[in-house]
Amino acid sequence: FELPQAAQATLKIHDVTGRVLQLVRIDGVQGYNQVTVNSSELPAVGVMYYTLETADYTATKKMIVVE
């Protein structure tokens, strides 16, 4: 993900019911940032959502986890 300026960010991975499966806090840098999550770290497979939050921005996207 891209940040227009350095900021703290929170990435939440949750299932379709809204239950948070993983929470990652990062100190993002200006420009491109990357977070790698292995499927072995998640308790389920299938359709999940991730939400990226900073002080000025929030976005939720869908992802599909397969093994």
N, C-alpha and C. Protein backbone atom coordinates (compact mmCIF):
# COMPACT_ATOMS: atom_id res chain seq x y z
N PHE A 1 0.83 -1.18 0.00
CA PHE A 1 0.00 0.00 0.00
C PHE A 1 0.87 1.24 0.00
N GLU A 2 0.33 2.32 -0.49
CA GLU A 2 1.05 3.59 -0.61
C GLU A 2 0.57 4.55 0.47
N LEU A 3 1.50 5.26 1.09
CA LEU A 3 1.17 6.31 2.04
C LEU A 3 1.73 7.63 1.53
N PRO A 4 0.93 8.70 1.55
CA PRO A 4 1.43 9.99 1.08
C PRO A 4 2.48 10.59 2.02
N GLN A 5 2.47 10.16 3.28
CA GLN A 5 3.47 10.61 4.26
C GLN A 5 3.64 9.52 5.30
N ALA A 6 4.74 9.54 6.02
CA ALA A 6 4.98 8.55 7.06
C ALA A 6 3.90 8.64 8.13
N ALA A 7 3.39 7.48 8.54
CA ALA A 7 2.32 7.45 9.54
C ALA A 7 2.22 6.06 10.14
N GLN A 8 1.67 6.00 11.33
CA GLN A 8 1.37 4.70 11.92
C GLN A 8 0.13 4.16 11.24
N ALA A 9 0.14 2.86 11.00
CA ALA A 9 -0.99 2.22 10.33
C ALA A 9 -1.35 0.93 11.07
N THR A 10 -2.62 0.56 10.97
CA THR A 10 -3.10 -0.68 11.55
C THR A 10 -3.76 -1.49 10.45
N LEU A 11 -3.38 -2.75 10.34
CA LEU A 11 -3.97 -3.66 9.38
C LEU A 11 -4.71 -4.73 10.16
N LYS A 12 -6.03 -4.81 9.94
CA LYS A 12 -6.86 -5.82 10.61
C LYS A 12 -7.34 -6.81 9.57
N ILE A 13 -7.15 -8.08 9.83
CA ILE A 13 -7.68 -9.13 8.98
C ILE A 13 -8.85 -9.74 9.73
N HIS A 14 -10.02 -9.77 9.07
CA HIS A 14 -11.20 -10.30 9.74
C HIS A 14 -12.00 -11.19 8.81
N ASP A 15 -12.82 -12.06 9.41
CA ASP A 15 -13.64 -12.97 8.62
C ASP A 15 -14.95 -12.28 8.25
N VAL A 16 -15.83 -13.01 7.58
CA VAL A 16 -17.07 -12.42 7.09
C VAL A 16 -18.02 -12.02 8.22
N THR A 17 -17.83 -12.56 9.41
CA THR A 17 -18.67 -12.19 10.55
C THR A 17 -18.14 -10.95 11.27
N GLY A 18 -16.94 -10.49 10.89
CA GLY A 18 -16.35 -9.32 11.52
C GLY A 18 -15.37 -9.64 12.63
N ARG A 19 -15.17 -10.92 12.92
CA ARG A 19 -14.23 -11.33 13.98
C ARG A 19 -12.80 -11.06 13.51
N VAL A 20 -12.04 -10.32 14.31
CA VAL A 20 -10.65 -9.99 13.96
C VAL A 20 -9.79 -11.22 14.15
N LEU A 21 -9.11 -11.63 13.08
CA LEU A 21 -8.25 -12.81 13.10
C LEU A 21 -6.79 -12.45 13.35
N GLN A 22 -6.39 -11.29 12.87
CA GLN A 22 -5.01 -10.85 13.06
C GLN A 22 -4.98 -9.34 13.03
N LEU A 23 -4.13 -8.78 13.87
CA LEU A 23 -3.97 -7.34 13.96
C LEU A 23 -2.48 -7.03 13.84
N VAL A 24 -2.13 -6.17 12.88
CA VAL A 24 -0.73 -5.81 12.64
C VAL A 24 -0.62 -4.30 12.71
N ARG A 25 0.27 -3.81 13.57
CA ARG A 25 0.53 -2.37 13.66
C ARG A 25 1.92 -2.11 13.07
N ILE A 26 1.99 -1.10 12.21
CA ILE A 26 3.27 -0.79 11.57
C ILE A 26 3.52 0.70 11.60
N ASP A 27 4.79 1.06 11.55
CA ASP A 27 5.19 2.45 11.36
C ASP A 27 5.48 2.59 9.87
N GLY A 28 4.49 3.06 9.13
CA GLY A 28 4.62 3.17 7.69
C GLY A 28 5.53 4.32 7.28
N VAL A 29 6.19 4.14 6.16
CA VAL A 29 7.04 5.17 5.60
C VAL A 29 6.33 5.84 4.44
N GLN A 30 6.79 7.00 4.06
CA GLN A 30 6.21 7.67 2.89
C GLN A 30 6.49 6.83 1.66
N GLY A 31 5.47 6.60 0.85
CA GLY A 31 5.62 5.79 -0.35
C GLY A 31 5.09 4.39 -0.14
N TYR A 32 5.74 3.42 -0.76
CA TYR A 32 5.27 2.04 -0.78
C TYR A 32 5.62 1.31 0.52
N ASN A 33 4.63 0.60 1.07
CA ASN A 33 4.79 -0.23 2.26
C ASN A 33 4.23 -1.61 1.94
N GLN A 34 4.75 -2.62 2.61
CA GLN A 34 4.29 -3.98 2.34
C GLN A 34 4.20 -4.75 3.66
N VAL A 35 3.13 -5.54 3.79
CA VAL A 35 2.95 -6.43 4.93
C VAL A 35 2.72 -7.82 4.36
N THR A 36 3.49 -8.80 4.83
CA THR A 36 3.35 -10.17 4.37
C THR A 36 2.69 -10.99 5.48
N VAL A 37 1.61 -11.69 5.11
CA VAL A 37 0.91 -12.55 6.06
C VAL A 37 0.86 -13.94 5.44
N ASN A 38 1.38 -14.92 6.16
CA ASN A 38 1.33 -16.31 5.69
C ASN A 38 -0.01 -16.93 6.06
N SER A 39 -0.53 -17.77 5.18
CA SER A 39 -1.83 -18.41 5.46
C SER A 39 -1.75 -19.30 6.69
N SER A 40 -0.55 -19.78 7.03
CA SER A 40 -0.40 -20.61 8.23
C SER A 40 -0.61 -19.81 9.51
N GLU A 41 -0.53 -18.48 9.43
CA GLU A 41 -0.76 -17.62 10.59
C GLU A 41 -2.24 -17.33 10.82
N LEU A 42 -3.08 -17.69 9.86
CA LEU A 42 -4.51 -17.44 9.96
C LEU A 42 -5.24 -18.73 10.34
N PRO A 43 -6.28 -18.63 11.17
CA PRO A 43 -6.98 -19.83 11.62
C PRO A 43 -7.99 -20.40 10.63
N ALA A 44 -8.12 -19.80 9.45
CA ALA A 44 -9.14 -20.24 8.51
C ALA A 44 -8.68 -19.98 7.08
N VAL A 45 -9.41 -20.54 6.13
CA VAL A 45 -9.20 -20.27 4.71
C VAL A 45 -10.53 -19.80 4.14
N GLY A 46 -10.48 -19.22 2.96
CA GLY A 46 -11.70 -18.75 2.30
C GLY A 46 -11.68 -17.24 2.16
N VAL A 47 -12.88 -16.66 2.09
CA VAL A 47 -13.02 -15.22 1.91
C VAL A 47 -12.80 -14.52 3.25
N MET A 48 -11.93 -13.53 3.23
CA MET A 48 -11.66 -12.69 4.40
C MET A 48 -11.54 -11.25 3.91
N TYR A 49 -11.50 -10.36 4.85
CA TYR A 49 -11.37 -8.94 4.54
C TYR A 49 -10.21 -8.38 5.34
N TYR A 50 -9.60 -7.33 4.78
CA TYR A 50 -8.57 -6.62 5.54
C TYR A 50 -8.89 -5.14 5.51
N THR A 51 -8.64 -4.49 6.63
CA THR A 51 -8.89 -3.06 6.77
C THR A 51 -7.59 -2.37 7.13
N LEU A 52 -7.23 -1.38 6.36
CA LEU A 52 -6.04 -0.57 6.62
C LEU A 52 -6.52 0.77 7.17
N GLU A 53 -6.01 1.13 8.34
CA GLU A 53 -6.40 2.39 8.97
C GLU A 53 -5.17 3.22 9.32
N THR A 54 -5.23 4.50 8.97
CA THR A 54 -4.26 5.49 9.44
C THR A 54 -5.09 6.60 10.07
N ALA A 55 -4.45 7.65 10.52
CA ALA A 55 -5.18 8.76 11.13
C ALA A 55 -6.13 9.44 10.13
N ASP A 56 -5.76 9.42 8.84
CA ASP A 56 -6.53 10.15 7.83
C ASP A 56 -7.23 9.25 6.81
N TYR A 57 -7.09 7.94 6.91
CA TYR A 57 -7.54 7.07 5.82
C TYR A 57 -7.97 5.71 6.37
N THR A 58 -9.04 5.19 5.82
CA THR A 58 -9.49 3.83 6.14
C THR A 58 -9.98 3.19 4.85
N ALA A 59 -9.54 1.95 4.59
CA ALA A 59 -9.99 1.21 3.41
C ALA A 59 -10.14 -0.25 3.79
N THR A 60 -11.20 -0.88 3.27
CA THR A 60 -11.44 -2.30 3.48
C THR A 60 -11.49 -2.99 2.12
N LYS A 61 -10.77 -4.09 2.00
CA LYS A 61 -10.72 -4.86 0.75
C LYS A 61 -10.94 -6.34 1.06
N LYS A 62 -11.36 -7.06 0.04
CA LYS A 62 -11.60 -8.50 0.17
C LYS A 62 -10.38 -9.26 -0.30
N MET A 63 -10.13 -10.41 0.34
CA MET A 63 -9.07 -11.30 -0.11
C MET A 63 -9.54 -12.72 0.04
N ILE A 64 -8.95 -13.62 -0.73
CA ILE A 64 -9.27 -15.04 -0.67
C ILE A 64 -8.01 -15.79 -0.27
N VAL A 65 -8.11 -16.54 0.81
CA VAL A 65 -6.97 -17.30 1.32
C VAL A 65 -7.18 -18.76 0.94
N VAL A 66 -6.19 -19.33 0.26
CA VAL A 66 -6.23 -20.74 -0.13
C VAL A 66 -5.00 -21.45 0.39
N GLU A 67 -5.11 -22.74 0.53
CA GLU A 67 -3.94 -23.52 0.97
C GLU A 67 -3.47 -24.40 -0.13
